[in-house]
N, C-alpha and C. Protein backbone atom coordinates (compact mmCIF):
# COMPACT_ATOMS: atom_id res chain seq x y z
N MET A 1 19.25 -79.57 -59.67
CA MET A 1 20.52 -79.47 -58.88
C MET A 1 21.62 -79.97 -59.96
N GLY A 2 22.98 -79.56 -59.75
CA GLY A 2 23.73 -80.27 -61.14
C GLY A 2 25.13 -80.01 -60.54
N ASP A 3 26.12 -79.87 -61.43
CA ASP A 3 27.55 -79.49 -61.21
C ASP A 3 28.08 -79.03 -62.83
N THR A 4 28.96 -78.47 -63.23
CA THR A 4 29.18 -78.00 -64.04
C THR A 4 30.99 -78.09 -64.28
N SER A 5 31.23 -78.85 -65.37
CA SER A 5 32.98 -78.96 -66.18
C SER A 5 33.18 -78.68 -67.41
N GLU A 6 34.37 -78.53 -67.73
CA GLU A 6 34.91 -78.48 -69.18
C GLU A 6 35.13 -79.47 -69.72
N ASP A 7 34.86 -79.73 -70.92
CA ASP A 7 35.67 -80.96 -71.30
C ASP A 7 36.63 -80.42 -72.40
N ALA A 8 37.32 -81.81 -72.72
CA ALA A 8 38.73 -81.39 -73.52
C ALA A 8 38.19 -80.29 -74.96
N LEU A 9 37.35 -80.47 -75.30
CA LEU A 9 36.88 -79.45 -76.76
C LEU A 9 36.39 -78.15 -76.27
N GLY A 10 36.70 -78.32 -74.75
CA GLY A 10 36.15 -76.47 -74.84
C GLY A 10 34.79 -76.49 -74.36
N PHE A 11 33.94 -77.45 -74.64
CA PHE A 11 32.59 -77.17 -73.90
C PHE A 11 32.17 -77.37 -72.85
N GLU A 12 31.37 -76.68 -72.32
CA GLU A 12 31.11 -76.62 -70.99
C GLU A 12 29.67 -77.53 -70.72
N ARG A 13 30.09 -78.72 -69.70
CA ARG A 13 28.67 -79.69 -69.36
C ARG A 13 28.44 -79.46 -68.16
N LYS A 14 27.12 -79.12 -68.07
CA LYS A 14 26.53 -78.99 -67.15
C LYS A 14 25.59 -80.20 -66.63
N ASP A 15 25.35 -80.85 -65.82
CA ASP A 15 24.86 -82.19 -65.48
C ASP A 15 23.42 -81.45 -64.49
N THR A 16 22.42 -81.64 -65.13
CA THR A 16 21.50 -80.93 -64.35
C THR A 16 20.20 -82.26 -63.82
N TYR A 17 19.71 -82.12 -63.24
CA TYR A 17 18.37 -83.33 -63.07
C TYR A 17 17.19 -82.91 -62.82
N ASN A 18 16.13 -83.34 -63.64
CA ASN A 18 15.00 -82.94 -63.41
C ASN A 18 14.46 -84.01 -61.84
N GLU A 19 14.21 -82.44 -60.65
CA GLU A 19 13.78 -83.61 -59.38
C GLU A 19 12.82 -84.47 -59.70
N GLY A 20 11.32 -84.21 -59.88
CA GLY A 20 10.59 -84.96 -59.95
C GLY A 20 10.75 -86.42 -60.47
N ASP A 21 11.55 -86.52 -61.72
CA ASP A 21 11.86 -87.49 -62.73
C ASP A 21 12.69 -88.36 -61.49
N LEU A 22 13.83 -87.65 -60.92
CA LEU A 22 15.20 -88.26 -59.93
C LEU A 22 14.55 -88.96 -59.12
N ARG A 23 13.43 -88.50 -58.12
CA ARG A 23 12.85 -88.91 -57.42
C ARG A 23 12.01 -90.30 -57.55
N ALA A 24 11.73 -90.21 -58.77
CA ALA A 24 10.81 -91.21 -59.32
C ALA A 24 11.73 -92.24 -59.74
N LEU A 25 12.63 -92.37 -60.23
CA LEU A 25 14.08 -92.94 -60.96
C LEU A 25 14.63 -93.81 -59.28
N GLN A 26 14.59 -92.89 -58.49
CA GLN A 26 15.36 -93.55 -57.06
C GLN A 26 14.46 -94.67 -56.41
N GLN A 27 13.17 -94.27 -56.78
CA GLN A 27 12.35 -95.51 -55.70
C GLN A 27 12.52 -96.43 -56.94
N SER A 28 12.55 -96.35 -58.09
CA SER A 28 12.68 -97.61 -58.86
C SER A 28 13.77 -98.42 -58.52
N PHE A 29 14.82 -98.00 -58.36
CA PHE A 29 16.05 -98.54 -58.02
C PHE A 29 16.27 -99.08 -56.69
N GLU A 30 15.70 -98.71 -55.83
CA GLU A 30 15.22 -99.09 -54.77
C GLU A 30 14.51 -100.35 -54.72
N ALA A 31 13.66 -100.30 -55.20
CA ALA A 31 12.73 -101.41 -55.60
C ALA A 31 13.51 -102.61 -56.36
N ILE A 32 14.02 -102.07 -57.14
CA ILE A 32 14.94 -103.27 -58.28
C ILE A 32 15.99 -104.17 -56.94
N ILE A 33 16.95 -103.08 -56.29
CA ILE A 33 17.73 -103.58 -55.19
C ILE A 33 16.93 -104.46 -54.45
N LYS A 34 15.77 -104.14 -53.95
CA LYS A 34 14.79 -105.17 -53.20
C LYS A 34 14.69 -106.27 -53.84
N HIS A 35 14.14 -106.10 -55.22
CA HIS A 35 13.54 -107.56 -55.86
C HIS A 35 14.40 -108.41 -56.26
N VAL A 36 15.89 -107.94 -56.37
CA VAL A 36 16.87 -108.71 -56.79
C VAL A 36 17.66 -109.82 -55.30
N GLY A 37 17.25 -109.43 -54.25
CA GLY A 37 17.24 -109.97 -53.14
C GLY A 37 18.54 -109.57 -52.52
N GLU A 38 18.85 -108.39 -52.42
CA GLU A 38 19.78 -107.38 -51.98
C GLU A 38 19.43 -106.76 -50.50
N ASP A 39 19.90 -106.24 -49.89
CA ASP A 39 19.27 -105.37 -48.43
C ASP A 39 19.50 -103.79 -48.75
N GLN A 40 18.53 -103.26 -49.21
CA GLN A 40 18.41 -102.00 -49.88
C GLN A 40 19.22 -100.91 -48.45
N HIS A 41 19.08 -101.54 -47.32
CA HIS A 41 19.78 -100.82 -46.27
C HIS A 41 21.29 -100.99 -45.81
N ARG A 42 21.89 -101.82 -46.86
CA ARG A 42 23.08 -102.43 -46.44
C ARG A 42 23.77 -100.67 -46.58
N GLU A 43 24.98 -100.76 -46.22
CA GLU A 43 26.24 -99.59 -45.77
C GLU A 43 26.36 -99.26 -47.13
N GLY A 44 26.93 -100.42 -48.02
CA GLY A 44 27.03 -99.97 -49.33
C GLY A 44 26.16 -99.91 -50.73
N LEU A 45 24.91 -100.06 -50.35
CA LEU A 45 23.86 -99.64 -51.00
C LEU A 45 22.94 -98.73 -50.60
N LEU A 46 23.28 -97.71 -49.67
CA LEU A 46 22.55 -96.73 -49.16
C LEU A 46 22.25 -95.57 -50.05
N LYS A 47 23.60 -95.15 -50.84
CA LYS A 47 23.33 -93.92 -51.57
C LYS A 47 23.21 -94.68 -53.22
N THR A 48 23.22 -95.56 -53.47
CA THR A 48 23.37 -96.24 -54.35
C THR A 48 21.98 -95.64 -55.54
N PRO A 49 20.82 -95.86 -54.99
CA PRO A 49 19.31 -95.71 -55.79
C PRO A 49 19.56 -93.99 -56.53
N GLU A 50 20.05 -93.11 -55.93
CA GLU A 50 20.12 -91.92 -55.93
C GLU A 50 21.50 -91.81 -56.86
N ARG A 51 22.50 -92.48 -56.98
CA ARG A 51 23.49 -92.45 -57.74
C ARG A 51 22.97 -93.04 -59.10
N ALA A 52 22.57 -93.94 -58.78
CA ALA A 52 21.61 -94.97 -60.16
C ALA A 52 20.72 -93.89 -61.02
N ALA A 53 20.09 -93.21 -60.49
CA ALA A 53 18.87 -92.63 -60.36
C ALA A 53 19.36 -91.21 -61.66
N LYS A 54 20.64 -90.56 -61.02
CA LYS A 54 21.57 -89.50 -61.63
C LYS A 54 22.08 -90.33 -62.77
N ALA A 55 22.80 -91.07 -62.93
CA ALA A 55 23.58 -91.69 -63.84
C ALA A 55 22.51 -91.95 -65.22
N MET A 56 21.34 -92.60 -65.01
CA MET A 56 20.23 -92.96 -65.79
C MET A 56 20.33 -91.31 -66.72
N GLN A 57 19.67 -90.80 -65.62
CA GLN A 57 19.34 -89.39 -66.33
C GLN A 57 20.64 -88.93 -67.38
N PHE A 58 21.35 -88.86 -66.80
CA PHE A 58 22.62 -88.49 -67.77
C PHE A 58 22.78 -89.14 -68.95
N ILE A 59 22.68 -90.36 -68.95
CA ILE A 59 22.89 -91.41 -69.99
C ILE A 59 21.73 -91.26 -70.94
N THR A 60 20.73 -90.23 -70.60
CA THR A 60 19.70 -90.76 -71.46
C THR A 60 19.17 -88.95 -71.43
N GLN A 61 19.83 -88.10 -71.71
CA GLN A 61 19.88 -87.20 -71.53
C GLN A 61 19.75 -86.26 -72.92
N GLY A 62 19.76 -87.04 -74.22
CA GLY A 62 19.52 -86.99 -75.50
C GLY A 62 18.15 -86.55 -75.57
N TYR A 63 17.27 -87.19 -74.95
CA TYR A 63 15.77 -86.51 -75.12
C TYR A 63 15.42 -85.07 -75.15
N GLU A 64 16.26 -84.39 -74.42
CA GLU A 64 16.45 -83.29 -74.08
C GLU A 64 17.15 -82.28 -75.01
N GLN A 65 17.89 -82.64 -75.92
CA GLN A 65 18.69 -82.10 -76.76
C GLN A 65 18.20 -82.33 -78.12
N ASP A 66 18.57 -81.02 -79.18
CA ASP A 66 18.32 -81.07 -80.60
C ASP A 66 19.61 -80.95 -81.17
N ALA A 67 19.96 -82.27 -81.94
CA ALA A 67 21.28 -82.43 -82.42
C ALA A 67 21.23 -81.65 -83.91
N ALA A 68 20.20 -81.46 -84.26
CA ALA A 68 20.25 -79.93 -85.90
C ALA A 68 20.36 -79.03 -85.12
N ALA A 69 20.04 -78.27 -84.22
CA ALA A 69 20.47 -77.10 -83.50
C ALA A 69 21.94 -76.93 -83.23
N ILE A 70 22.10 -77.95 -82.95
CA ILE A 70 23.87 -77.77 -82.58
C ILE A 70 24.82 -77.83 -83.57
N LEU A 71 24.14 -78.59 -84.74
CA LEU A 71 24.80 -78.32 -86.14
C LEU A 71 25.11 -77.39 -86.83
N ARG A 72 23.45 -76.26 -86.85
CA ARG A 72 23.06 -75.52 -86.97
C ARG A 72 23.74 -74.14 -86.36
N SER A 73 24.56 -74.55 -85.17
CA SER A 73 25.16 -73.07 -84.78
C SER A 73 26.43 -72.98 -84.95
N ALA A 74 26.98 -73.68 -85.84
CA ALA A 74 28.44 -73.74 -86.30
C ALA A 74 28.44 -74.12 -88.00
N LEU A 75 27.61 -73.34 -88.53
CA LEU A 75 27.79 -73.50 -90.09
C LEU A 75 28.62 -72.59 -90.42
N PHE A 76 29.74 -72.80 -91.88
CA PHE A 76 29.98 -72.04 -92.18
C PHE A 76 30.35 -71.85 -93.83
N LYS A 77 30.33 -70.79 -94.67
CA LYS A 77 30.45 -70.95 -96.05
C LYS A 77 31.63 -71.70 -96.27
N GLU A 78 31.86 -72.64 -97.12
CA GLU A 78 33.09 -72.97 -97.81
C GLU A 78 32.83 -73.80 -98.90
N GLU A 79 34.08 -73.20 -100.11
CA GLU A 79 33.92 -74.04 -101.18
C GLU A 79 34.50 -75.35 -101.12
N HIS A 80 35.02 -75.74 -100.26
CA HIS A 80 35.88 -77.29 -99.88
C HIS A 80 34.73 -77.98 -100.72
N GLN A 81 34.76 -79.15 -101.80
CA GLN A 81 34.33 -80.46 -102.01
C GLN A 81 34.60 -81.31 -102.20
N GLN A 82 35.51 -81.74 -100.88
CA GLN A 82 36.20 -83.12 -100.84
C GLN A 82 35.86 -83.57 -99.59
N MET A 83 35.89 -85.00 -99.48
CA MET A 83 35.37 -85.65 -98.22
C MET A 83 35.91 -85.11 -96.92
N VAL A 84 35.20 -84.76 -96.06
CA VAL A 84 35.63 -84.29 -94.37
C VAL A 84 34.89 -85.73 -93.71
N LEU A 85 36.03 -86.34 -92.64
CA LEU A 85 35.44 -87.44 -92.11
C LEU A 85 36.57 -87.14 -90.47
N VAL A 86 35.30 -87.42 -89.93
CA VAL A 86 35.74 -88.06 -88.29
C VAL A 86 35.46 -89.18 -88.34
N LYS A 87 36.40 -89.89 -87.86
CA LYS A 87 36.22 -91.38 -87.21
C LYS A 87 36.90 -91.47 -85.63
N ASP A 88 36.41 -92.85 -85.36
CA ASP A 88 37.17 -93.02 -84.50
C ASP A 88 36.21 -92.86 -82.98
N ILE A 89 35.24 -91.94 -83.53
CA ILE A 89 34.45 -91.46 -82.35
C ILE A 89 33.77 -91.91 -81.35
N GLU A 90 33.90 -92.14 -79.96
CA GLU A 90 33.75 -92.87 -79.13
C GLU A 90 32.09 -92.84 -78.71
N MET A 91 31.54 -93.86 -78.59
CA MET A 91 30.14 -93.66 -78.64
C MET A 91 29.26 -94.95 -77.40
N TYR A 92 28.73 -94.45 -76.52
CA TYR A 92 27.99 -95.21 -75.47
C TYR A 92 26.71 -95.00 -75.32
N SER A 93 25.60 -95.87 -75.61
CA SER A 93 24.36 -96.24 -75.63
C SER A 93 24.13 -97.28 -74.84
N LEU A 94 22.66 -97.21 -74.67
CA LEU A 94 21.95 -98.31 -73.95
C LEU A 94 21.05 -99.04 -75.01
N CYS A 95 20.64 -100.33 -75.13
CA CYS A 95 20.00 -101.43 -75.87
C CYS A 95 18.59 -101.15 -75.30
N GLU A 96 17.62 -100.56 -76.11
CA GLU A 96 16.36 -100.41 -75.73
C GLU A 96 15.20 -101.98 -75.44
N HIS A 97 16.05 -102.98 -75.73
CA HIS A 97 15.62 -104.36 -75.46
C HIS A 97 15.90 -104.52 -74.03
N HIS A 98 17.12 -104.52 -73.89
CA HIS A 98 17.33 -105.03 -72.57
C HIS A 98 17.95 -103.91 -71.52
N MET A 99 17.71 -102.53 -71.87
CA MET A 99 18.32 -101.54 -71.16
C MET A 99 19.84 -102.12 -70.49
N LEU A 100 20.82 -102.69 -71.11
CA LEU A 100 22.03 -103.12 -71.40
C LEU A 100 23.34 -102.04 -72.40
N PRO A 101 24.08 -101.54 -71.88
CA PRO A 101 25.09 -100.53 -73.01
C PRO A 101 25.22 -101.53 -74.06
N PHE A 102 25.58 -100.69 -74.90
CA PHE A 102 25.99 -100.87 -76.00
C PHE A 102 27.20 -99.83 -76.76
N PHE A 103 28.29 -100.01 -77.24
CA PHE A 103 29.58 -99.10 -76.95
C PHE A 103 30.37 -99.47 -77.99
N GLY A 104 31.02 -98.50 -78.99
CA GLY A 104 32.15 -98.58 -79.77
C GLY A 104 32.24 -97.24 -80.56
N LYS A 105 32.69 -97.09 -81.52
CA LYS A 105 33.05 -96.33 -82.82
C LYS A 105 32.24 -95.91 -83.66
N ALA A 106 32.05 -94.70 -83.85
CA ALA A 106 31.17 -93.76 -84.90
C ALA A 106 31.94 -93.40 -86.01
N HIS A 107 32.14 -93.75 -87.61
CA HIS A 107 32.66 -92.78 -88.16
C HIS A 107 32.37 -92.22 -89.23
N ILE A 108 32.04 -90.84 -89.36
CA ILE A 108 30.89 -89.68 -90.07
C ILE A 108 31.69 -89.04 -91.36
N ALA A 109 31.28 -89.19 -92.34
CA ALA A 109 32.29 -88.39 -93.27
C ALA A 109 30.50 -87.93 -94.01
N TYR A 110 31.19 -86.32 -94.75
CA TYR A 110 30.29 -85.73 -95.47
C TYR A 110 30.71 -85.20 -96.68
N ILE A 111 30.34 -84.86 -97.63
CA ILE A 111 31.09 -84.17 -99.14
C ILE A 111 30.18 -82.46 -98.89
N PRO A 112 31.10 -81.48 -98.65
CA PRO A 112 30.35 -80.62 -98.61
C PRO A 112 29.77 -79.82 -99.71
N ASN A 113 28.58 -79.24 -99.83
CA ASN A 113 28.11 -78.39 -101.11
C ASN A 113 27.88 -77.19 -100.71
N GLY A 114 29.25 -76.08 -100.42
CA GLY A 114 28.79 -74.73 -100.06
C GLY A 114 28.82 -74.39 -98.38
N THR A 115 28.86 -75.44 -97.92
CA THR A 115 28.88 -75.30 -96.32
C THR A 115 29.24 -76.37 -95.57
N ILE A 116 30.17 -76.23 -94.61
CA ILE A 116 31.38 -77.13 -93.72
C ILE A 116 30.48 -76.48 -92.17
N VAL A 117 30.48 -77.47 -91.30
CA VAL A 117 30.35 -77.45 -90.12
C VAL A 117 31.67 -77.81 -89.03
N GLY A 118 31.69 -76.87 -88.19
CA GLY A 118 32.72 -77.19 -87.05
C GLY A 118 33.00 -78.62 -86.71
N LEU A 119 33.94 -78.99 -86.74
CA LEU A 119 33.86 -80.70 -86.47
C LEU A 119 33.75 -81.25 -85.40
N SER A 120 33.73 -80.07 -84.19
CA SER A 120 33.42 -80.91 -83.03
C SER A 120 32.21 -81.05 -82.89
N LYS A 121 31.37 -80.70 -83.80
CA LYS A 121 29.74 -80.90 -83.52
C LYS A 121 29.35 -82.04 -84.10
N LEU A 122 30.22 -83.01 -84.76
CA LEU A 122 30.00 -84.23 -85.50
C LEU A 122 30.00 -85.02 -84.13
N PRO A 123 30.82 -85.12 -83.34
CA PRO A 123 30.43 -86.28 -82.13
C PRO A 123 29.70 -85.79 -81.18
N ARG A 124 29.47 -84.09 -81.10
CA ARG A 124 27.87 -84.32 -80.27
C ARG A 124 26.88 -84.47 -80.64
N VAL A 125 26.60 -84.59 -82.12
CA VAL A 125 25.33 -85.17 -82.50
C VAL A 125 25.64 -86.45 -82.28
N VAL A 126 26.62 -87.42 -82.35
CA VAL A 126 26.67 -88.90 -82.06
C VAL A 126 25.81 -88.89 -80.37
N ASP A 127 26.77 -88.01 -79.53
CA ASP A 127 26.25 -88.26 -78.31
C ASP A 127 24.45 -87.96 -78.15
N VAL A 128 24.50 -86.79 -78.80
CA VAL A 128 22.91 -86.43 -78.47
C VAL A 128 21.90 -87.85 -79.09
N PHE A 129 22.38 -88.49 -79.97
CA PHE A 129 21.24 -89.61 -80.15
C PHE A 129 21.30 -90.90 -79.57
N ALA A 130 22.49 -91.11 -79.19
CA ALA A 130 23.22 -92.34 -78.73
C ALA A 130 22.72 -92.47 -76.81
N ARG A 131 22.33 -91.38 -76.55
CA ARG A 131 22.50 -91.11 -74.85
C ARG A 131 20.69 -90.81 -75.06
N ARG A 132 20.36 -92.24 -75.46
CA ARG A 132 18.55 -92.28 -75.59
C ARG A 132 18.93 -94.25 -75.63
N LEU A 133 17.59 -94.61 -75.29
CA LEU A 133 16.96 -96.00 -75.35
C LEU A 133 17.31 -96.25 -76.86
N GLN A 134 18.04 -97.22 -77.35
CA GLN A 134 18.32 -97.06 -78.72
C GLN A 134 18.61 -98.79 -79.30
N VAL A 135 18.44 -98.74 -80.48
CA VAL A 135 18.94 -99.91 -80.95
C VAL A 135 20.15 -99.55 -82.23
N GLN A 136 21.03 -99.82 -82.43
CA GLN A 136 22.27 -99.63 -83.29
C GLN A 136 21.73 -99.03 -84.71
N GLU A 137 20.78 -100.32 -85.23
CA GLU A 137 20.53 -99.74 -86.87
C GLU A 137 19.71 -98.02 -86.98
N ARG A 138 18.94 -98.02 -85.82
CA ARG A 138 18.18 -96.17 -85.86
C ARG A 138 19.31 -95.44 -85.39
N LEU A 139 20.08 -95.77 -84.66
CA LEU A 139 21.14 -94.84 -84.18
C LEU A 139 21.88 -94.13 -85.55
N THR A 140 22.27 -95.14 -86.26
CA THR A 140 22.97 -94.94 -87.37
C THR A 140 22.34 -93.93 -88.59
N HIS A 141 20.83 -94.36 -88.61
CA HIS A 141 20.25 -93.78 -89.92
C HIS A 141 19.94 -92.21 -89.01
N GLN A 142 19.42 -92.08 -87.53
CA GLN A 142 19.41 -90.64 -87.10
C GLN A 142 20.31 -89.83 -87.58
N ILE A 143 21.78 -90.10 -87.34
CA ILE A 143 22.64 -89.76 -87.35
C ILE A 143 22.92 -89.07 -88.79
N ARG A 144 22.82 -89.79 -89.41
CA ARG A 144 22.94 -89.86 -91.17
C ARG A 144 21.78 -88.69 -91.35
N ASP A 145 20.71 -88.75 -91.20
CA ASP A 145 19.63 -87.92 -91.47
C ASP A 145 19.47 -86.83 -90.98
N CYS A 146 20.25 -86.46 -89.88
CA CYS A 146 20.34 -85.10 -89.39
C CYS A 146 21.10 -84.44 -89.88
N ILE A 147 22.34 -84.84 -90.45
CA ILE A 147 23.62 -84.48 -90.74
C ILE A 147 23.15 -83.84 -92.07
N GLN A 148 22.59 -84.58 -92.95
CA GLN A 148 21.71 -84.24 -94.52
C GLN A 148 20.89 -83.26 -94.32
N GLU A 149 19.81 -83.29 -93.32
CA GLU A 149 19.14 -82.07 -93.37
C GLU A 149 19.86 -81.14 -92.81
N ALA A 150 20.63 -80.85 -91.97
CA ALA A 150 21.21 -79.60 -91.49
C ALA A 150 22.19 -78.78 -92.60
N LEU A 151 22.96 -79.85 -93.18
CA LEU A 151 24.24 -79.21 -93.79
C LEU A 151 23.93 -79.14 -95.80
N GLN A 152 22.89 -80.24 -95.69
CA GLN A 152 22.55 -80.34 -97.33
C GLN A 152 23.79 -80.56 -98.40
N PRO A 153 24.36 -81.55 -97.41
CA PRO A 153 25.62 -81.86 -98.15
C PRO A 153 25.74 -82.72 -99.63
N ALA A 154 26.30 -83.03 -100.45
CA ALA A 154 26.60 -83.97 -101.71
C ALA A 154 26.06 -85.33 -101.22
N GLY A 155 26.43 -85.71 -99.81
CA GLY A 155 26.27 -86.54 -99.49
C GLY A 155 26.89 -87.42 -97.89
N VAL A 156 26.47 -87.82 -97.26
CA VAL A 156 26.69 -88.65 -95.65
C VAL A 156 26.92 -89.77 -95.86
N ALA A 157 28.10 -90.69 -94.55
CA ALA A 157 28.10 -91.61 -94.76
C ALA A 157 28.28 -91.80 -93.22
N VAL A 158 27.79 -93.10 -92.82
CA VAL A 158 28.04 -93.21 -91.13
C VAL A 158 28.21 -94.54 -90.93
N VAL A 159 29.34 -95.14 -90.57
CA VAL A 159 29.33 -96.27 -90.11
C VAL A 159 29.69 -96.30 -88.34
N ILE A 160 29.16 -97.25 -87.82
CA ILE A 160 29.02 -97.51 -86.26
C ILE A 160 29.59 -98.80 -86.26
N GLU A 161 30.51 -99.13 -85.54
CA GLU A 161 31.02 -100.61 -84.69
C GLU A 161 30.89 -100.71 -83.34
N ALA A 162 30.24 -101.91 -82.80
CA ALA A 162 29.91 -101.50 -81.57
C ALA A 162 29.71 -103.07 -81.00
N LYS A 163 30.10 -103.05 -79.90
CA LYS A 163 29.79 -104.42 -78.90
C LYS A 163 29.05 -104.42 -77.74
N HIS A 164 27.50 -105.14 -78.11
CA HIS A 164 26.46 -105.25 -77.41
C HIS A 164 26.37 -106.07 -75.83
N MET A 165 26.50 -105.55 -74.63
CA MET A 165 26.67 -106.55 -73.38
C MET A 165 25.44 -107.09 -73.43
N CYS A 166 24.06 -107.07 -73.93
CA CYS A 166 23.29 -107.93 -74.08
C CYS A 166 23.31 -109.21 -74.94
N MET A 167 24.61 -108.85 -75.72
CA MET A 167 25.30 -110.22 -76.44
C MET A 167 26.02 -111.39 -75.40
N GLN A 168 26.81 -110.13 -74.82
CA GLN A 168 28.16 -110.36 -73.93
C GLN A 168 27.28 -111.16 -72.48
N MET A 169 26.95 -110.37 -72.00
CA MET A 169 26.64 -110.90 -70.60
C MET A 169 25.45 -111.75 -70.30
N ARG A 170 24.74 -111.66 -71.40
CA ARG A 170 23.36 -112.55 -71.28
C ARG A 170 23.24 -113.27 -72.62
N GLY A 171 22.36 -113.78 -72.93
CA GLY A 171 21.97 -114.58 -74.18
C GLY A 171 22.90 -115.53 -75.02
N VAL A 172 23.40 -115.52 -76.06
CA VAL A 172 24.04 -116.06 -76.70
C VAL A 172 25.88 -115.90 -75.99
N GLN A 173 26.23 -114.90 -74.89
CA GLN A 173 27.49 -114.92 -74.52
C GLN A 173 28.64 -114.67 -75.37
N LYS A 174 28.48 -113.95 -76.45
CA LYS A 174 29.78 -114.13 -77.26
C LYS A 174 30.23 -112.78 -77.02
N GLN A 175 31.61 -113.34 -76.61
CA GLN A 175 32.46 -112.13 -76.00
C GLN A 175 33.13 -111.04 -77.23
N ASN A 176 33.50 -111.54 -78.46
CA ASN A 176 34.10 -110.88 -78.93
C ASN A 176 33.28 -110.84 -80.44
N SER A 177 32.26 -110.53 -80.88
CA SER A 177 31.53 -110.29 -81.74
C SER A 177 31.35 -108.59 -81.34
N VAL A 178 31.32 -108.02 -82.61
CA VAL A 178 31.16 -106.65 -83.08
C VAL A 178 30.03 -106.55 -84.22
N THR A 179 29.02 -105.42 -84.01
CA THR A 179 28.04 -105.42 -84.77
C THR A 179 28.21 -104.01 -85.73
N THR A 180 28.01 -104.14 -86.89
CA THR A 180 28.59 -103.33 -87.90
C THR A 180 27.07 -102.52 -88.66
N THR A 181 27.11 -101.44 -88.65
CA THR A 181 25.85 -100.62 -89.59
C THR A 181 26.39 -99.57 -90.12
N SER A 182 25.95 -99.59 -91.21
CA SER A 182 26.23 -98.10 -92.02
C SER A 182 24.84 -97.46 -92.70
N ALA A 183 25.06 -96.33 -93.22
CA ALA A 183 24.07 -95.55 -93.80
C ALA A 183 24.60 -94.54 -94.81
N PHE A 184 24.24 -94.61 -96.04
CA PHE A 184 24.80 -93.59 -96.87
C PHE A 184 23.84 -92.89 -97.42
N THR A 185 23.80 -91.48 -98.22
CA THR A 185 23.32 -90.49 -98.92
C THR A 185 24.21 -90.11 -100.06
N GLY A 186 23.59 -89.45 -101.10
CA GLY A 186 24.42 -89.16 -101.98
C GLY A 186 25.27 -89.40 -103.04
N GLU A 187 26.18 -88.90 -102.59
CA GLU A 187 27.79 -89.49 -103.62
C GLU A 187 27.98 -91.04 -102.84
N PHE A 188 27.65 -91.05 -101.55
CA PHE A 188 28.11 -92.44 -100.99
C PHE A 188 27.48 -92.89 -101.32
N LEU A 189 26.20 -93.28 -102.33
CA LEU A 189 25.59 -94.02 -102.58
C LEU A 189 26.34 -94.97 -103.96
N LYS A 190 27.42 -94.52 -104.21
CA LYS A 190 28.15 -94.35 -105.66
C LYS A 190 29.59 -95.33 -105.03
N ASP A 191 29.77 -96.50 -105.79
CA ASP A 191 30.65 -97.76 -105.11
C ASP A 191 32.11 -97.01 -105.03
N SER A 192 32.43 -96.20 -105.88
CA SER A 192 33.66 -95.50 -105.94
C SER A 192 33.83 -94.68 -104.33
N THR A 193 33.07 -93.63 -104.40
CA THR A 193 32.90 -92.92 -103.44
C THR A 193 32.73 -93.66 -101.60
N ARG A 194 32.41 -94.82 -101.66
CA ARG A 194 31.96 -95.50 -100.61
C ARG A 194 33.18 -96.18 -100.24
N LYS A 195 34.03 -96.81 -101.33
CA LYS A 195 35.28 -97.71 -100.81
C LYS A 195 36.04 -96.67 -100.52
N GLU A 196 36.23 -95.16 -101.11
CA GLU A 196 37.24 -94.28 -100.55
C GLU A 196 36.64 -94.27 -98.87
N PHE A 197 35.69 -93.98 -98.54
CA PHE A 197 35.49 -93.73 -97.52
C PHE A 197 35.55 -95.15 -96.86
N ILE A 198 35.16 -96.18 -96.63
CA ILE A 198 35.83 -97.62 -96.16
C ILE A 198 37.68 -97.69 -95.88
N SER A 199 38.00 -96.80 -96.78
CA SER A 199 39.39 -97.29 -96.89
C SER A 199 40.33 -96.24 -95.87
N LEU A 200 39.58 -95.35 -95.73
CA LEU A 200 40.15 -94.00 -94.98
C LEU A 200 39.53 -94.88 -93.47
N ILE A 201 38.24 -94.88 -93.17
CA ILE A 201 38.12 -95.67 -92.01
C ILE A 201 38.91 -96.43 -91.67
N SER A 202 39.62 -97.59 -92.76
CA SER A 202 40.10 -98.51 -92.26
C SER A 202 41.49 -98.26 -91.55
N ALA A 203 42.06 -97.35 -92.32
CA ALA A 203 43.43 -96.96 -92.29
C ALA A 203 43.90 -96.38 -90.93
N LYS A 204 45.60 -97.04 -90.48
CA LYS A 204 45.85 -96.48 -89.30
C LYS A 204 47.00 -95.67 -89.89
N LEU A 205 47.05 -94.31 -89.18
CA LEU A 205 47.71 -93.23 -89.92
C LEU A 205 49.04 -93.95 -89.06
N SER A 206 50.16 -93.56 -89.78
CA SER A 206 51.81 -94.03 -89.13
C SER A 206 52.42 -93.02 -88.23
């Protein structure tokens, strides 16, 4: 079962659910509600296991998606050889250690080597890898490696800035901490190119 809608970039989003997995997840959430001391039969919680199961399938749907195929679906021959940057890409994921959210922004740049990709595909690559149980370090490298493999550019740069609820809600409980990770290939390993990228993602348009 599922529902269909279209996002601002023109992509058709179809929410589909595996019925067997959905039921198993629902039963698990029923048990969680019970074991934290709540009454799973209380009116406000009657549909919570089903809603939570659907939410979990949605936010982990990246396991069923192929990021490289998304990129390869929109490759174009072009002789542009300067940096292409998409910054401030909203990113939401689940920490694999505590299954609590971490969220923030991803910044991606690449230097074409005869091939460019439709710009909207880069945020979709972020979503594919973010919608899994993750650590930020691995997520950063998976995005970089996927773009490098699919486009074969002269270089790729990825920076992710994120807040982790496992640090804010529990543990050290530091509310204003931000974790930054980066990964580079090719031309971005050069100090001058990397500095240009950092300058661009730090700049605010007037």
